[in-house]
């Protein structure tokens, strides 16, 4: 516990001693970091949109068209077509 308190005091003293240097460093570097983060988030957003677009296209290709589905449902309703479960 003594080492923790001693380390906290030493860190506080160092931060107080070099506070102006630390403040100048943060003021110089922070805008660059913000710009880089914004650019990366924009690129990530674009990649996510592209991936969702490709997935939607692929799903639309795999899904039968509305016209094809209508033909399937009307042909399955005809009385002569149903043989499942009747033993015929």
Protein backbone atom coordinates (compact mmCIF):
# COMPACT_ATOMS: atom_id res chain seq x y z
CA UNK A 1 0.00 0.00 0.00
CA UNK A 2 2.91 2.29 0.79
CA UNK A 3 4.35 1.76 -2.72
CA UNK A 4 1.02 2.69 -4.30
CA UNK A 5 0.82 5.95 -2.34
CA UNK A 6 4.45 6.76 -3.10
CA UNK A 7 3.86 6.10 -6.83
CA UNK A 8 0.75 8.28 -6.86
CA UNK A 9 2.65 11.13 -5.19
CA UNK A 10 5.57 10.78 -7.63
CA UNK A 11 3.16 10.77 -10.62
CA UNK A 12 1.34 13.82 -9.31
CA UNK A 13 4.61 15.66 -8.74
CA UNK A 14 5.83 14.81 -12.26
CA UNK A 15 2.55 15.95 -13.83
CA UNK A 16 2.70 19.22 -11.88
CA UNK A 17 6.37 19.79 -12.81
CA UNK A 18 5.91 19.18 -16.57
CA UNK A 19 2.32 20.43 -16.84
CA UNK A 20 3.06 23.12 -19.44
CA UNK A 21 5.00 20.67 -21.63
CA UNK A 22 2.20 18.13 -21.36
CA UNK A 23 -0.43 20.77 -22.14
CA UNK A 24 1.47 21.96 -25.23
CA UNK A 25 1.89 18.38 -26.44
CA UNK A 26 -1.83 17.63 -26.05
CA UNK A 27 -2.84 20.87 -27.77
CA UNK A 28 -0.60 20.07 -30.75
CA UNK A 29 -1.44 16.40 -31.17
CA UNK A 30 -5.13 16.26 -30.26
CA UNK A 31 -6.46 17.91 -33.46
CA UNK A 32 -4.45 15.45 -35.59
CA UNK A 33 -5.80 12.51 -33.63
CA UNK A 34 -9.36 13.77 -34.00
CA UNK A 35 -8.96 14.18 -37.77
CA UNK A 36 -7.49 10.70 -38.14
CA UNK A 37 -10.28 9.17 -36.06
CA UNK A 38 -12.92 10.98 -38.11
CA UNK A 39 -11.32 9.79 -41.36
CA UNK A 40 -11.18 6.21 -40.14
CA UNK A 41 -14.80 6.31 -39.00
CA UNK A 42 -15.86 7.67 -42.39
CA UNK A 43 -13.96 4.90 -44.18
CA UNK A 44 -15.51 2.30 -41.88
CA UNK A 45 -18.98 3.69 -42.53
CA UNK A 46 -18.43 3.48 -46.28
CA UNK A 47 -17.18 -0.11 -46.07
CA UNK A 48 -20.18 -1.10 -43.94
CA UNK A 49 -22.59 0.49 -46.42
CA UNK A 50 -20.89 -1.32 -49.31
CA UNK A 51 -21.04 -4.65 -47.50
CA UNK A 52 -24.73 -4.18 -46.68
CA UNK A 53 -25.44 -3.27 -50.30
CA UNK A 54 -23.68 -6.39 -51.56
CA UNK A 55 -25.54 -8.56 -49.05
CA UNK A 56 -28.87 -7.05 -50.09
CA UNK A 57 -28.14 -7.74 -53.76
CA UNK A 58 -27.18 -11.32 -52.99
CA UNK A 59 -30.31 -11.90 -50.91
CA UNK A 60 -32.48 -10.39 -53.64
CA UNK A 61 -30.92 -12.75 -56.20
CA UNK A 62 -31.53 -15.78 -53.99
CA UNK A 63 -35.12 -14.85 -53.14
CA UNK A 64 -37.63 -15.89 -55.79
CA UNK A 65 -39.41 -13.10 -57.57
CA UNK A 66 -42.95 -12.14 -56.63
CA UNK A 67 -44.30 -13.48 -59.91
CA UNK A 68 -42.60 -16.85 -59.40
CA UNK A 69 -43.96 -17.06 -55.85
CA UNK A 70 -47.48 -16.35 -57.06
CA UNK A 71 -47.22 -19.21 -59.58
CA UNK A 72 -45.98 -21.58 -56.89
CA UNK A 73 -48.79 -20.74 -54.47
CA UNK A 74 -51.53 -21.06 -57.11
CA UNK A 75 -50.19 -24.36 -58.43
CA UNK A 76 -49.91 -25.82 -54.94
CA UNK A 77 -53.56 -24.95 -54.26
CA UNK A 78 -54.93 -26.99 -57.15
CA UNK A 79 -56.80 -30.07 -55.86
CA UNK A 80 -54.97 -32.62 -58.01
CA UNK A 81 -51.55 -31.53 -56.80
CA UNK A 82 -51.83 -32.35 -53.11
CA UNK A 83 -50.62 -35.88 -52.41
CA UNK A 84 -48.52 -35.39 -49.33
CA UNK A 85 -49.86 -37.29 -46.35
CA UNK A 86 -52.57 -39.13 -48.29
CA UNK A 87 -50.54 -42.22 -49.12
CA UNK A 88 -51.09 -41.74 -52.85
